[in-house]
N, C-alpha and C. Protein backbone atom coordinates (compact mmCIF):
# COMPACT_ATOMS: atom_id res chain seq x y z
N MET A 1 1.03 -1.06 0.03
CA MET A 1 0.12 0.17 0.23
C MET A 1 0.72 1.31 -0.06
N ARG A 2 0.68 1.90 -1.16
CA ARG A 2 1.37 3.16 -1.25
C ARG A 2 0.94 4.23 -0.12
N TYR A 3 -0.07 4.54 -0.15
CA TYR A 3 -0.86 5.94 0.60
C TYR A 3 -1.04 5.17 2.13
N TYR A 4 -1.15 6.45 2.84
CA TYR A 4 -1.33 5.83 4.37
C TYR A 4 -2.51 6.70 4.00
N PRO A 5 -3.98 6.16 4.60
CA PRO A 5 -5.04 6.52 4.95
C PRO A 5 -5.56 7.42 5.97
N VAL A 6 -5.72 8.76 5.91
CA VAL A 6 -5.73 9.82 6.97
C VAL A 6 -6.78 10.58 6.85
N PHE A 7 -7.46 10.93 8.29
CA PHE A 7 -8.20 12.36 7.84
C PHE A 7 -7.91 13.39 8.50
N LEU A 8 -7.50 14.92 7.70
CA LEU A 8 -6.83 16.02 8.79
C LEU A 8 -8.23 16.92 9.38
N ASP A 9 -7.41 17.05 10.39
CA ASP A 9 -8.25 18.20 11.01
C ASP A 9 -7.62 19.90 10.27
N LEU A 10 -8.39 20.46 9.25
CA LEU A 10 -7.73 21.44 9.00
C LEU A 10 -8.71 22.67 9.72
N ARG A 11 -9.19 22.58 10.70
CA ARG A 11 -9.77 23.73 11.52
C ARG A 11 -8.44 24.97 11.98
N GLY A 12 -8.66 26.23 10.91
CA GLY A 12 -7.69 27.41 11.69
C GLY A 12 -6.47 27.21 10.81
N LYS A 13 -6.47 26.23 9.71
CA LYS A 13 -4.77 25.72 9.33
C LYS A 13 -5.04 26.68 7.88
N ASN A 14 -3.61 27.58 7.08
CA ASN A 14 -3.38 28.02 6.30
C ASN A 14 -3.43 26.71 5.08
N CYS A 15 -4.50 27.21 3.80
CA CYS A 15 -4.36 26.53 3.23
C CYS A 15 -4.31 27.45 1.55
N LEU A 16 -3.54 27.31 0.98
CA LEU A 16 -3.41 27.98 0.00
C LEU A 16 -3.71 26.86 -1.31
N VAL A 17 -4.71 27.85 -2.35
CA VAL A 17 -4.91 26.74 -3.72
C VAL A 17 -4.77 27.99 -4.49
N VAL A 18 -4.09 27.47 -5.47
CA VAL A 18 -3.62 28.20 -6.91
C VAL A 18 -4.52 27.71 -8.25
N GLY A 19 -5.10 28.88 -8.57
CA GLY A 19 -6.09 28.58 -9.69
C GLY A 19 -7.19 29.04 -9.33
N GLY A 20 -8.20 29.36 -10.12
CA GLY A 20 -10.00 30.03 -9.88
C GLY A 20 -10.60 29.55 -10.88
N GLY A 21 -10.57 28.10 -11.30
CA GLY A 21 -11.75 27.99 -12.50
C GLY A 21 -12.64 26.80 -11.42
N GLN A 22 -13.06 26.05 -11.81
CA GLN A 22 -14.64 25.47 -11.63
C GLN A 22 -13.90 23.86 -10.37
N VAL A 23 -12.54 23.59 -10.65
CA VAL A 23 -12.11 22.90 -10.11
C VAL A 23 -11.26 23.48 -8.96
N ALA A 24 -10.70 24.56 -8.87
CA ALA A 24 -9.93 24.95 -7.71
C ALA A 24 -11.72 25.49 -6.80
N TRP A 25 -12.39 26.04 -7.45
CA TRP A 25 -13.78 27.22 -6.50
C TRP A 25 -13.96 24.97 -5.79
N ARG A 26 -14.23 24.08 -6.25
CA ARG A 26 -14.66 22.85 -5.63
C ARG A 26 -13.83 22.86 -4.58
N LYS A 27 -12.42 22.78 -4.46
CA LYS A 27 -11.67 22.24 -3.50
C LYS A 27 -11.58 23.42 -2.26
N ILE A 28 -11.88 24.67 -3.25
CA ILE A 28 -11.98 25.61 -2.31
C ILE A 28 -13.33 25.44 -1.23
N LYS A 29 -14.41 25.29 -1.71
CA LYS A 29 -15.13 24.96 -1.22
C LYS A 29 -15.08 24.28 0.05
N ARG A 30 -14.52 22.61 -0.13
CA ARG A 30 -14.40 21.18 0.56
C ARG A 30 -13.55 22.18 1.84
N LEU A 31 -12.33 22.98 1.59
CA LEU A 31 -11.40 23.29 2.29
C LEU A 31 -12.48 24.10 3.67
N LEU A 32 -12.95 24.97 3.18
CA LEU A 32 -14.04 25.78 4.11
C LEU A 32 -15.12 25.15 4.77
N ALA A 33 -15.63 24.43 4.54
CA ALA A 33 -16.47 23.04 4.68
C ALA A 33 -15.73 23.14 6.22
N CYS A 34 -14.50 22.12 5.69
CA CYS A 34 -13.57 22.03 6.89
C CYS A 34 -13.21 22.99 7.90
N GLY A 35 -12.83 23.99 7.76
CA GLY A 35 -12.91 25.24 8.89
C GLY A 35 -11.86 25.72 8.33
N ALA A 36 -11.00 25.12 7.16
CA ALA A 36 -9.50 26.06 7.02
C ALA A 36 -9.55 27.72 6.83
N LYS A 37 -8.38 28.12 6.85
CA LYS A 37 -8.50 29.11 6.19
C LYS A 37 -7.87 29.37 5.26
N VAL A 38 -8.32 29.82 3.98
CA VAL A 38 -8.22 29.85 2.39
C VAL A 38 -7.85 31.05 1.75
N PHE A 39 -6.59 30.62 1.27
CA PHE A 39 -5.81 31.88 0.48
C PHE A 39 -5.50 31.71 -1.05
N VAL A 40 -6.28 32.19 -1.84
CA VAL A 40 -5.99 32.13 -3.28
C VAL A 40 -4.84 33.11 -4.25
N VAL A 41 -4.45 32.25 -5.18
CA VAL A 41 -3.86 33.04 -6.63
C VAL A 41 -4.10 32.25 -7.84
N ALA A 42 -4.79 33.42 -8.33
CA ALA A 42 -5.33 33.02 -9.75
C ALA A 42 -5.54 34.32 -10.53
N ARG A 43 -5.29 34.46 -11.69
CA ARG A 43 -5.22 35.46 -12.71
C ARG A 43 -6.90 35.77 -13.20
N GLU A 44 -7.48 34.99 -13.18
CA GLU A 44 -8.91 35.09 -13.11
C GLU A 44 -9.70 34.42 -11.60
N LEU A 45 -10.85 34.82 -11.60
CA LEU A 45 -12.00 34.63 -10.49
C LEU A 45 -12.89 33.49 -10.65
N LEU A 46 -13.65 32.84 -10.49
CA LEU A 46 -14.90 32.24 -11.12
C LEU A 46 -15.51 33.43 -10.06
N PRO A 47 -17.00 33.93 -10.81
CA PRO A 47 -17.72 34.69 -10.18
C PRO A 47 -18.40 34.55 -8.51
N GLU A 48 -18.79 32.87 -8.31
CA GLU A 48 -19.14 32.92 -7.16
C GLU A 48 -17.49 33.05 -5.96
N LEU A 49 -16.46 32.21 -7.05
CA LEU A 49 -15.28 32.88 -6.05
C LEU A 49 -14.72 33.80 -5.55
N GLU A 50 -15.09 35.13 -6.81
CA GLU A 50 -14.98 36.36 -6.41
C GLU A 50 -15.63 36.90 -5.09
N GLU A 51 -17.44 36.33 -5.06
CA GLU A 51 -18.01 36.99 -4.34
C GLU A 51 -17.33 36.54 -2.94
N ALA A 52 -16.76 35.04 -2.73
CA ALA A 52 -16.22 34.38 -1.53
C ALA A 52 -15.39 35.52 -1.10
N VAL A 53 -14.78 36.23 -2.12
CA VAL A 53 -13.43 36.68 -1.43
C VAL A 53 -13.99 38.45 -0.93
N LYS A 54 -15.16 38.74 -1.76
CA LYS A 54 -15.69 40.24 -1.30
C LYS A 54 -16.44 39.82 0.22
N GLU A 55 -17.02 38.63 0.51
CA GLU A 55 -17.58 38.45 1.71
C GLU A 55 -16.48 38.08 2.80
N GLY A 56 -15.10 37.76 2.17
CA GLY A 56 -13.91 37.58 3.59
C GLY A 56 -13.90 35.98 3.87
N GLN A 57 -14.63 35.37 3.36
CA GLN A 57 -14.57 33.69 3.56
C GLN A 57 -13.02 33.31 2.97
N VAL A 58 -12.48 33.89 1.87
CA VAL A 58 -11.51 33.48 1.10
C VAL A 58 -10.69 35.01 0.69
N SER A 59 -8.88 34.58 1.15
CA SER A 59 -8.10 36.07 0.71
C SER A 59 -7.21 35.55 -0.30
N TYR A 60 -7.70 37.01 -1.21
CA TYR A 60 -7.17 37.02 -2.20
C TYR A 60 -5.56 37.55 -2.85
N LEU A 61 -4.73 36.81 -2.96
CA LEU A 61 -3.43 36.95 -2.97
C LEU A 61 -3.05 37.64 -4.48
N GLY A 62 -3.67 37.22 -5.23
CA GLY A 62 -3.31 38.12 -6.39
C GLY A 62 -3.00 37.17 -7.78
N PRO A 63 -2.53 37.70 -8.84
CA PRO A 63 -2.79 37.08 -10.45
C PRO A 63 -1.92 36.14 -10.20
N GLU A 64 -0.60 36.49 -9.51
CA GLU A 64 0.85 35.68 -9.99
C GLU A 64 1.11 34.91 -8.72
N TYR A 65 1.88 33.66 -8.60
CA TYR A 65 2.31 32.89 -7.49
C TYR A 65 3.45 33.43 -7.32
N LYS A 66 3.82 33.65 -6.12
CA LYS A 66 5.32 34.07 -5.70
C LYS A 66 5.43 32.73 -4.59
N SER A 67 7.15 32.45 -4.26
CA SER A 67 7.50 31.29 -3.41
C SER A 67 7.32 32.10 -1.82
N GLU A 68 7.00 32.95 -2.03
CA GLU A 68 7.11 33.51 -0.27
C GLU A 68 5.48 33.34 0.32
N TYR A 69 4.36 33.15 -0.78
CA TYR A 69 2.94 32.64 -0.09
C TYR A 69 3.13 31.11 0.34
N LEU A 70 4.21 30.56 0.26
CA LEU A 70 3.99 29.20 0.77
C LEU A 70 4.18 29.64 2.47
N LYS A 71 4.88 30.78 2.93
CA LYS A 71 4.94 30.90 4.59
C LYS A 71 4.29 30.63 5.19
N ASP A 72 4.00 29.74 6.36
CA ASP A 72 3.44 29.12 7.10
C ASP A 72 1.83 28.81 6.36
N ILE A 73 2.31 28.26 5.37
CA ILE A 73 0.80 27.18 4.61
C ILE A 73 0.97 25.55 5.16
N PHE A 74 0.03 25.12 5.79
CA PHE A 74 -0.06 23.84 6.07
C PHE A 74 -0.28 22.95 4.43
N LEU A 75 -1.30 23.21 3.81
CA LEU A 75 -1.56 22.18 2.84
C LEU A 75 -1.76 23.94 1.45
N LEU A 76 -1.33 22.99 0.23
CA LEU A 76 -1.25 23.47 -0.83
C LEU A 76 -2.26 22.41 -2.30
N ILE A 77 -3.04 23.19 -2.70
CA ILE A 77 -3.59 22.99 -3.72
C ILE A 77 -3.24 23.38 -5.17
N GLY A 78 -2.76 22.90 -5.96
CA GLY A 78 -2.26 23.62 -7.61
C GLY A 78 -3.63 22.64 -8.46
N ALA A 79 -4.63 23.52 -8.93
CA ALA A 79 -5.39 23.48 -10.18
C ALA A 79 -5.19 24.59 -11.31
N THR A 80 -4.19 24.55 -11.73
CA THR A 80 -4.25 25.48 -13.13
C THR A 80 -3.78 24.43 -14.04
N ASP A 81 -3.75 24.91 -15.44
CA ASP A 81 -3.57 24.18 -16.92
C ASP A 81 -1.90 24.44 -16.88
N ASP A 82 -1.54 25.09 -16.31
CA ASP A 82 0.30 25.44 -16.74
C ASP A 82 1.07 24.46 -15.88
N GLU A 83 1.51 23.53 -16.69
CA GLU A 83 2.49 22.45 -16.56
C GLU A 83 3.78 22.95 -15.52
N ALA A 84 4.23 23.99 -16.08
CA ALA A 84 5.77 24.22 -15.57
C ALA A 84 5.30 25.10 -13.85
N LEU A 85 4.29 25.74 -13.95
CA LEU A 85 3.84 26.38 -12.62
C LEU A 85 3.21 25.09 -11.49
N ASN A 86 2.50 24.06 -12.22
CA ASN A 86 2.31 23.18 -11.25
C ASN A 86 3.39 22.40 -10.69
N LEU A 87 4.19 21.97 -11.80
CA LEU A 87 5.86 21.53 -10.88
C LEU A 87 6.52 22.39 -10.17
N ARG A 88 6.56 23.72 -10.36
CA ARG A 88 7.31 24.71 -9.30
C ARG A 88 6.58 24.45 -8.43
N LEU A 89 5.32 24.29 -7.58
CA LEU A 89 4.23 24.41 -6.95
C LEU A 89 4.52 22.91 -6.16
N SER A 90 4.89 21.98 -6.86
CA SER A 90 5.15 20.44 -6.15
C SER A 90 6.55 20.33 -5.56
N GLN A 91 7.53 21.13 -6.54
CA GLN A 91 9.02 21.25 -5.98
C GLN A 91 8.64 21.92 -4.65
N GLU A 92 8.70 23.04 -4.48
CA GLU A 92 8.58 23.96 -3.58
C GLU A 92 7.91 23.57 -2.48
N ALA A 93 6.61 23.14 -2.54
CA ALA A 93 6.25 22.94 -1.66
C ALA A 93 6.84 21.52 -0.79
N ASN A 94 7.01 20.61 -1.69
CA ASN A 94 8.07 19.43 -1.18
C ASN A 94 9.14 19.89 -0.76
N ALA A 95 10.20 20.69 -0.87
CA ALA A 95 11.05 21.01 -0.42
C ALA A 95 10.82 21.61 1.24
N ALA A 96 9.20 22.17 1.34
CA ALA A 96 9.02 23.12 2.26
C ALA A 96 8.34 21.75 3.61
N ASN A 97 8.56 20.84 3.14
CA ASN A 97 7.24 19.80 3.60
C ASN A 97 6.41 20.35 4.24
N ILE A 98 5.55 20.73 2.85
CA ILE A 98 4.02 20.82 3.30
C ILE A 98 3.33 20.51 2.20
N LEU A 99 2.09 19.81 2.42
CA LEU A 99 1.13 18.88 2.13
C LEU A 99 0.67 19.38 1.00
N CYS A 100 1.05 18.61 -0.43
CA CYS A 100 0.57 19.04 -1.37
C CYS A 100 0.04 18.12 -2.41
N ASN A 101 -1.19 18.68 -3.41
CA ASN A 101 -2.05 18.11 -3.79
C ASN A 101 -2.02 19.15 -5.15
N ILE A 102 -1.52 18.34 -6.25
CA ILE A 102 -1.68 19.17 -7.98
C ILE A 102 -2.70 18.12 -8.72
N VAL A 103 -3.79 18.73 -8.82
CA VAL A 103 -5.01 18.22 -9.47
C VAL A 103 -4.89 17.13 -10.50
N ASP A 104 -5.43 16.20 -10.33
CA ASP A 104 -5.08 15.15 -11.80
C ASP A 104 -3.66 14.87 -12.20
N GLN A 105 -2.43 15.38 -11.14
CA GLN A 105 -1.22 14.84 -11.48
C GLN A 105 -0.38 13.95 -10.15
N PRO A 106 -0.63 12.93 -9.95
CA PRO A 106 -0.55 12.30 -8.38
C PRO A 106 1.07 12.36 -8.77
N GLU A 107 2.29 12.09 -9.81
CA GLU A 107 3.56 12.12 -9.71
C GLU A 107 3.99 13.44 -9.17
N LYS A 108 2.90 14.52 -9.16
CA LYS A 108 3.44 15.56 -8.49
C LYS A 108 2.86 16.00 -7.00
N CYS A 109 1.99 15.10 -6.57
CA CYS A 109 1.25 14.95 -5.18
C CYS A 109 2.12 14.46 -4.22
N ASN A 110 2.11 14.84 -2.88
CA ASN A 110 2.54 14.00 -2.00
C ASN A 110 1.80 13.72 -1.16
N PHE A 111 -0.32 14.08 -1.55
CA PHE A 111 -1.37 13.23 -0.82
C PHE A 111 -2.14 13.47 -2.21
N ILE A 112 -3.04 12.76 -2.04
CA ILE A 112 -4.09 12.30 -2.99
C ILE A 112 -5.51 12.59 -1.97
N VAL A 113 -6.23 13.18 -3.10
CA VAL A 113 -7.81 13.82 -2.64
C VAL A 113 -8.44 12.14 -2.98
N PRO A 114 -9.20 11.50 -2.04
CA PRO A 114 -10.11 10.43 -2.57
C PRO A 114 -11.56 10.98 -2.60
N SER A 115 -12.53 10.28 -3.69
CA SER A 115 -13.75 10.35 -3.73
C SER A 115 -14.73 10.33 -2.48
N VAL A 116 -15.39 10.99 -1.88
CA VAL A 116 -16.03 11.08 -0.72
C VAL A 116 -17.83 10.96 -0.81
N VAL A 117 -17.78 9.87 -0.01
CA VAL A 117 -19.35 9.97 0.19
C VAL A 117 -19.61 10.51 1.47
N GLU A 118 -20.57 11.46 1.88
CA GLU A 118 -20.81 12.12 2.98
C GLU A 118 -22.03 11.79 3.77
N ARG A 119 -22.54 11.71 5.11
CA ARG A 119 -23.77 11.48 5.38
C ARG A 119 -23.13 12.22 6.61
N GLY A 120 -23.68 13.21 6.82
CA GLY A 120 -23.03 13.79 8.36
C GLY A 120 -21.94 13.62 8.44
N ASP A 121 -21.68 13.11 9.65
CA ASP A 121 -20.22 12.91 10.22
C ASP A 121 -19.98 11.38 9.61
N LEU A 122 -20.36 10.72 9.07
CA LEU A 122 -20.08 9.51 8.66
C LEU A 122 -19.21 9.81 6.81
N ILE A 123 -18.20 9.95 6.90
CA ILE A 123 -17.60 9.91 5.55
C ILE A 123 -16.78 8.55 5.53
N ILE A 124 -17.03 8.52 4.04
CA ILE A 124 -16.91 7.41 3.54
C ILE A 124 -15.49 7.47 2.30
N ALA A 125 -14.07 7.26 2.54
CA ALA A 125 -13.53 7.94 1.46
C ALA A 125 -13.05 6.40 0.54
N ILE A 126 -12.84 6.81 -0.60
CA ILE A 126 -12.26 5.96 -1.60
C ILE A 126 -11.37 6.36 -2.22
N SER A 127 -10.44 5.70 -2.66
CA SER A 127 -9.34 6.10 -3.60
C SER A 127 -8.73 4.78 -4.13
N THR A 128 -8.01 4.94 -5.72
CA THR A 128 -8.09 4.21 -6.48
C THR A 128 -6.65 4.33 -6.65
N SER A 129 -5.85 4.81 -5.69
CA SER A 129 -4.24 5.01 -5.72
C SER A 129 -3.66 6.20 -6.77
N GLY A 130 -4.97 6.77 -7.47
CA GLY A 130 -4.42 7.64 -8.79
C GLY A 130 -4.53 6.78 -9.83
N LYS A 131 -5.01 5.16 -9.46
CA LYS A 131 -5.15 4.36 -11.10
C LYS A 131 -5.97 4.38 -11.87
N SER A 132 -7.03 4.82 -10.79
CA SER A 132 -8.36 5.33 -11.93
C SER A 132 -9.51 5.97 -11.24
N PRO A 133 -9.62 7.52 -11.56
CA PRO A 133 -10.37 8.52 -10.78
C PRO A 133 -12.10 7.85 -11.41
N ALA A 134 -12.29 7.45 -12.26
CA ALA A 134 -13.69 6.95 -12.90
C ALA A 134 -14.00 5.68 -12.12
N LEU A 135 -13.35 5.06 -12.05
CA LEU A 135 -13.52 3.96 -10.77
C LEU A 135 -14.05 4.52 -9.77
N ALA A 136 -13.37 5.48 -9.25
CA ALA A 136 -13.65 5.76 -7.97
C ALA A 136 -14.63 6.79 -7.47
N ARG A 137 -14.87 7.50 -9.00
CA ARG A 137 -16.35 7.87 -9.01
C ARG A 137 -18.09 7.02 -9.38
N LYS A 138 -17.32 6.04 -10.03
CA LYS A 138 -18.41 4.76 -9.90
C LYS A 138 -18.89 4.13 -8.32
N LEU A 139 -17.61 3.91 -7.85
CA LEU A 139 -17.64 2.98 -6.27
C LEU A 139 -18.68 4.10 -5.60
N ARG A 140 -18.11 5.25 -5.98
CA ARG A 140 -18.81 6.51 -4.70
C ARG A 140 -20.27 6.76 -5.19
N LEU A 141 -20.52 7.00 -6.47
CA LEU A 141 -22.14 6.82 -6.94
C LEU A 141 -22.64 5.10 -6.53
N GLU A 142 -22.63 4.57 -6.21
CA GLU A 142 -22.98 3.08 -5.54
C GLU A 142 -23.28 3.10 -4.34
N LEU A 143 -22.16 4.03 -3.44
CA LEU A 143 -22.11 3.69 -1.83
C LEU A 143 -23.21 5.24 -1.92
N GLU A 144 -23.38 5.66 -2.71
CA GLU A 144 -24.17 6.94 -2.29
C GLU A 144 -25.97 6.14 -1.82
N LYS A 145 -26.19 5.31 -2.94
CA LYS A 145 -27.16 4.79 -2.88
C LYS A 145 -27.00 3.60 -1.91
N GLN A 146 -26.20 2.94 -1.03
CA GLN A 146 -26.57 2.18 -0.12
C GLN A 146 -26.68 3.16 1.07
N PHE A 147 -25.70 4.02 1.38
CA PHE A 147 -25.89 4.69 2.49
C PHE A 147 -26.45 6.33 2.22
N GLY A 148 -27.94 5.83 2.81
CA GLY A 148 -28.86 6.76 2.94
C GLY A 148 -28.85 8.13 3.52
N GLU A 149 -29.44 8.99 3.96
CA GLU A 149 -29.22 10.18 5.43
C GLU A 149 -29.46 9.52 6.37
N GLU A 150 -30.44 8.26 6.59
CA GLU A 150 -30.43 7.83 7.47
C GLU A 150 -29.35 7.70 8.70
N TYR A 151 -27.97 7.11 7.87
CA TYR A 151 -26.70 7.08 8.75
C TYR A 151 -26.57 8.41 9.55
N ALA A 152 -26.76 9.49 8.78
CA ALA A 152 -26.01 10.75 9.51
C ALA A 152 -26.96 10.85 10.79
N ILE A 153 -28.35 10.56 11.23
CA ILE A 153 -29.27 10.43 11.49
C ILE A 153 -29.24 9.49 12.54
N PHE A 154 -28.44 8.66 12.18
CA PHE A 154 -27.92 7.28 13.53
C PHE A 154 -26.72 7.37 13.86
N LEU A 155 -26.16 7.76 13.69
CA LEU A 155 -24.63 8.55 14.08
C LEU A 155 -24.47 9.55 14.98
N LYS A 156 -25.20 10.39 14.18
CA LYS A 156 -25.85 11.50 15.74
C LYS A 156 -26.13 11.47 16.68
N LEU A 157 -27.20 10.63 16.88
CA LEU A 157 -27.47 9.72 17.83
C LEU A 157 -26.75 8.98 18.75
N LEU A 158 -25.81 8.46 18.17
CA LEU A 158 -24.65 7.16 18.63
C LEU A 158 -24.06 8.29 19.33
N GLY A 159 -23.82 9.61 18.73
CA GLY A 159 -22.24 10.34 19.26
C GLY A 159 -23.39 10.88 20.69
N GLN A 160 -24.49 11.27 20.76
CA GLN A 160 -25.31 11.90 21.28
C GLN A 160 -25.09 10.77 22.80
N VAL A 161 -25.91 9.55 22.55
CA VAL A 161 -25.49 8.88 23.50
C VAL A 161 -24.35 8.37 24.31
N ARG A 162 -23.11 8.12 23.34
CA ARG A 162 -22.02 8.10 23.90
C ARG A 162 -21.81 9.05 24.98
N GLU A 163 -22.02 10.69 24.61
CA GLU A 163 -21.74 11.61 25.59
C GLU A 163 -22.12 11.19 26.99
N VAL A 164 -23.41 11.21 27.22
CA VAL A 164 -24.33 10.69 28.26
C VAL A 164 -23.73 9.66 28.66
N LEU A 165 -23.30 8.38 28.35
CA LEU A 165 -22.79 7.25 28.98
C LEU A 165 -21.37 7.64 29.52
N LYS A 166 -20.55 8.48 28.72
CA LYS A 166 -19.27 8.59 29.48
C LYS A 166 -19.44 9.12 30.74
N LYS A 167 -20.44 10.32 30.94
CA LYS A 167 -20.88 11.10 32.17
C LYS A 167 -21.56 10.05 33.16
N ARG A 168 -22.38 9.04 32.90
CA ARG A 168 -23.23 8.36 33.79
C ARG A 168 -22.44 7.04 34.14
N ILE A 169 -21.64 6.46 33.08
CA ILE A 169 -21.16 4.94 33.74
C ILE A 169 -20.12 5.18 33.62
N GLU A 170 -19.31 5.01 34.84
CA GLU A 170 -17.55 4.68 34.24
C GLU A 170 -17.02 3.52 34.02
N GLY A 171 -17.64 2.25 33.97
CA GLY A 171 -16.68 1.37 33.40
C GLY A 171 -16.84 1.30 31.29
N GLN A 172 -15.72 1.25 31.26
CA GLN A 172 -15.71 1.36 29.73
C GLN A 172 -16.14 0.13 29.03
N LYS A 173 -16.18 -0.79 29.31
CA LYS A 173 -16.74 -2.11 29.22
C LYS A 173 -18.31 -1.93 28.95
N ARG A 174 -18.70 -1.48 29.83
CA ARG A 174 -20.21 -1.17 29.84
C ARG A 174 -20.71 -0.75 28.99
N ARG A 175 -20.04 0.57 28.60
CA ARG A 175 -20.32 1.63 27.73
C ARG A 175 -20.71 0.95 26.37
N GLN A 176 -19.22 0.39 25.89
CA GLN A 176 -18.95 -0.39 24.98
C GLN A 176 -20.52 -1.42 24.43
N GLU A 177 -20.59 -2.07 25.85
CA GLU A 177 -21.73 -3.40 25.46
C GLU A 177 -23.05 -2.22 24.88
N ILE A 178 -23.51 -1.24 25.72
CA ILE A 178 -24.26 -0.50 25.37
C ILE A 178 -24.19 -0.43 23.72
N LEU A 179 -23.63 0.75 23.73
CA LEU A 179 -23.41 1.07 22.18
C LEU A 179 -23.49 0.11 21.00
N GLU A 180 -22.65 -1.03 21.61
CA GLU A 180 -22.59 -2.05 20.06
C GLU A 180 -23.97 -2.32 20.53
N LYS A 181 -25.07 -2.54 21.39
CA LYS A 181 -26.43 -3.12 21.20
C LYS A 181 -27.32 -2.24 20.51
N LEU A 182 -26.87 -0.73 20.32
CA LEU A 182 -27.49 0.03 19.60
C LEU A 182 -27.23 -0.48 18.14
N VAL A 183 -25.85 0.00 18.16
CA VAL A 183 -25.46 -0.38 16.74
C VAL A 183 -26.03 -1.88 15.72
N TYR A 184 -26.23 -2.59 16.48
CA TYR A 184 -26.61 -4.17 16.36
C TYR A 184 -28.04 -4.42 16.10
N SER A 185 -28.78 -3.37 16.70
CA SER A 185 -30.32 -2.92 16.99
C SER A 185 -31.05 -2.81 15.47
N GLU A 186 -32.37 -2.65 15.82
CA GLU A 186 -33.05 -2.47 14.41
C GLU A 186 -33.12 -0.68 14.45
N LEU A 187 -32.27 -0.39 14.97
CA LEU A 187 -32.59 1.17 15.25
C LEU A 187 -32.49 2.19 13.87
N LEU A 188 -31.37 1.66 12.92
CA LEU A 188 -31.34 2.36 11.77
C LEU A 188 -32.32 1.91 10.78
N LYS A 189 -32.95 0.82 10.94
CA LYS A 189 -34.01 0.63 9.99
C LYS A 189 -35.33 1.46 10.19
N GLU A 190 -35.36 1.64 11.55
CA GLU A 190 -36.45 2.49 12.02
C GLU A 190 -36.06 3.85 11.63
N ILE A 191 -35.31 4.07 11.64
CA ILE A 191 -34.93 5.73 11.54
C ILE A 191 -35.32 6.01 9.85
N ARG A 192 -34.57 4.41 9.31
CA ARG A 192 -34.72 5.08 7.49
C ARG A 192 -36.20 5.05 7.20
N ASN A 193 -37.02 4.12 8.48
CA ASN A 193 -38.67 4.49 7.91
C ASN A 193 -39.55 5.07 8.54
N LYS A 194 -38.27 6.26 9.22
CA LYS A 194 -39.03 7.19 10.25
C LYS A 194 -40.21 7.32 10.88
N ASN A 195 -39.77 6.03 11.34
CA ASN A 195 -41.01 5.22 13.05
C ASN A 195 -40.74 5.34 13.89
N TRP A 196 -40.77 7.14 14.53
CA TRP A 196 -39.92 7.70 15.91
C TRP A 196 -40.83 6.86 16.69
N GLU A 197 -41.99 6.16 16.82
CA GLU A 197 -42.38 5.60 17.96
C GLU A 197 -41.55 4.56 18.47
N LYS A 198 -41.19 3.75 16.98
CA LYS A 198 -40.62 2.78 17.29
C LYS A 198 -38.66 2.91 18.08
N VAL A 199 -38.35 3.58 17.09
CA VAL A 199 -36.91 4.69 17.93
C VAL A 199 -37.07 4.59 19.00
N GLN A 200 -37.75 5.33 19.79
CA GLN A 200 -37.83 5.50 21.16
C GLN A 200 -38.55 4.66 22.06
N LYS A 201 -39.46 3.12 21.18
CA LYS A 201 -39.22 2.29 22.19
C LYS A 201 -38.09 1.49 21.95
N LEU A 202 -36.99 1.43 21.54
CA LEU A 202 -35.72 0.78 21.00
C LEU A 202 -34.90 1.49 21.96
N LEU A 203 -34.82 2.41 21.98
CA LEU A 203 -34.10 3.53 22.95
C LEU A 203 -34.24 2.85 24.65
N LYS A 204 -35.52 3.04 24.67
CA LYS A 204 -35.99 2.76 26.31
C LYS A 204 -35.71 1.15 26.54
N GLU A 205 -35.68 -0.01 25.56
CA GLU A 205 -35.60 -1.40 26.16
C GLU A 205 -33.88 -1.07 25.79
N ILE A 206 -33.17 -0.98 25.28
CA ILE A 206 -31.58 -0.79 25.76
C ILE A 206 -30.82 0.13 26.47
N LEU A 207 -31.63 1.29 26.83
CA LEU A 207 -30.46 2.43 27.44
C LEU A 207 -31.64 2.12 28.96
N GLY A 208 -32.64 2.10 29.26
CA GLY A 208 -33.91 1.97 30.10
C GLY A 208 -34.08 3.30 30.14
N GLU A 209 -35.12 3.91 30.97
CA GLU A 209 -36.06 5.09 30.69
C GLU A 209 -35.19 6.44 30.87
N GLN A 210 -34.48 6.29 31.98
CA GLN A 210 -33.68 7.68 32.51
C GLN A 210 -32.86 8.34 31.51
N PHE A 211 -31.73 6.85 30.78
CA PHE A 211 -31.27 7.09 29.54
C PHE A 211 -32.15 8.05 28.81
N ARG A 212 -32.90 7.08 28.34
CA ARG A 212 -33.71 7.26 27.28
C ARG A 212 -34.38 8.95 27.34
N ALA A 213 -35.01 9.56 28.27
CA ALA A 213 -35.05 10.59 28.54
C ALA A 213 -34.29 11.44 28.52
N GLU A 214 -33.04 11.24 28.67
CA GLU A 214 -31.97 12.22 28.90
C GLU A 214 -31.89 12.31 26.88
N ILE A 215 -31.53 11.53 26.62
CA ILE A 215 -31.57 11.49 25.13
C ILE A 215 -32.40 12.20 24.55
N LEU A 216 -33.64 12.29 24.52
CA LEU A 216 -34.57 13.13 23.90
C LEU A 216 -35.13 14.20 24.39
N SER A 217 -34.51 14.22 25.71
CA SER A 217 -34.69 15.88 26.38
C SER A 217 -33.71 17.03 25.11
N HIS A 218 -32.90 16.39 24.15
CA HIS A 218 -32.38 17.32 23.43
C HIS A 218 -32.21 16.58 21.73
N CYS A 219 -33.65 15.97 21.49
CA CYS A 219 -33.91 15.07 20.63
C CYS A 219 -33.45 16.06 19.18
N PHE A 220 -32.88 15.16 18.02
CA PHE A 220 -32.73 16.16 16.87
C PHE A 220 -33.78 15.94 15.82
N PHE A 221 -34.56 14.82 16.28
CA PHE A 221 -35.17 14.15 15.08
C PHE A 221 -37.09 14.30 15.80
N SER A 222 -38.01 14.15 14.70
CA SER A 222 -39.41 14.52 15.34
C SER A 222 -39.92 13.43 15.25
N PRO A 223 -40.26 13.06 16.69
CA PRO A 223 -41.15 11.81 17.38
C PRO A 223 -42.04 11.93 16.84
């Protein structure tokens, strides 16, 4: 296995994107969604990207890339059609030990971006190690059908239960037993069917009335 799978916490991290087209904007939107501080260098900006700059969501550094822009940068994405510039970005980022992705050119990257299925906090990443983006997209589409929005609700519920159990039950083994009962129960199916009455019943059976009431006191779905 050539690539080490990892999920990065980009909150507050400085990220530089070189390029202002559709591909660059797609990358920028995901960086913003992850809480990154985004800087962009581009000769032309899409209207949407220009608006993001005006609103202060993105910092525009100018039309021409300068090596000094890499100072304090955690992650760099090159999304240009300029082969010479892409090579320069790759070389300078690697020399400075900066995470670098040049779009559609894995040989110039020290990390590659997977195809992703998102369902709330559930993130399923698919990679073909750069061999076939088309296959990665195909697999993503198949997984999107398999994993519906019920997984986002289910995972949020599990997260809330876990936090309550950590406060109320000292033994890690007992907490794990309860959480595994929830995971292997019919909860997911009932959430998919929007059968909230059955969801409450299952929570009561597995957690007991006290914990069920505490969970439902800040419930996010409609019973």
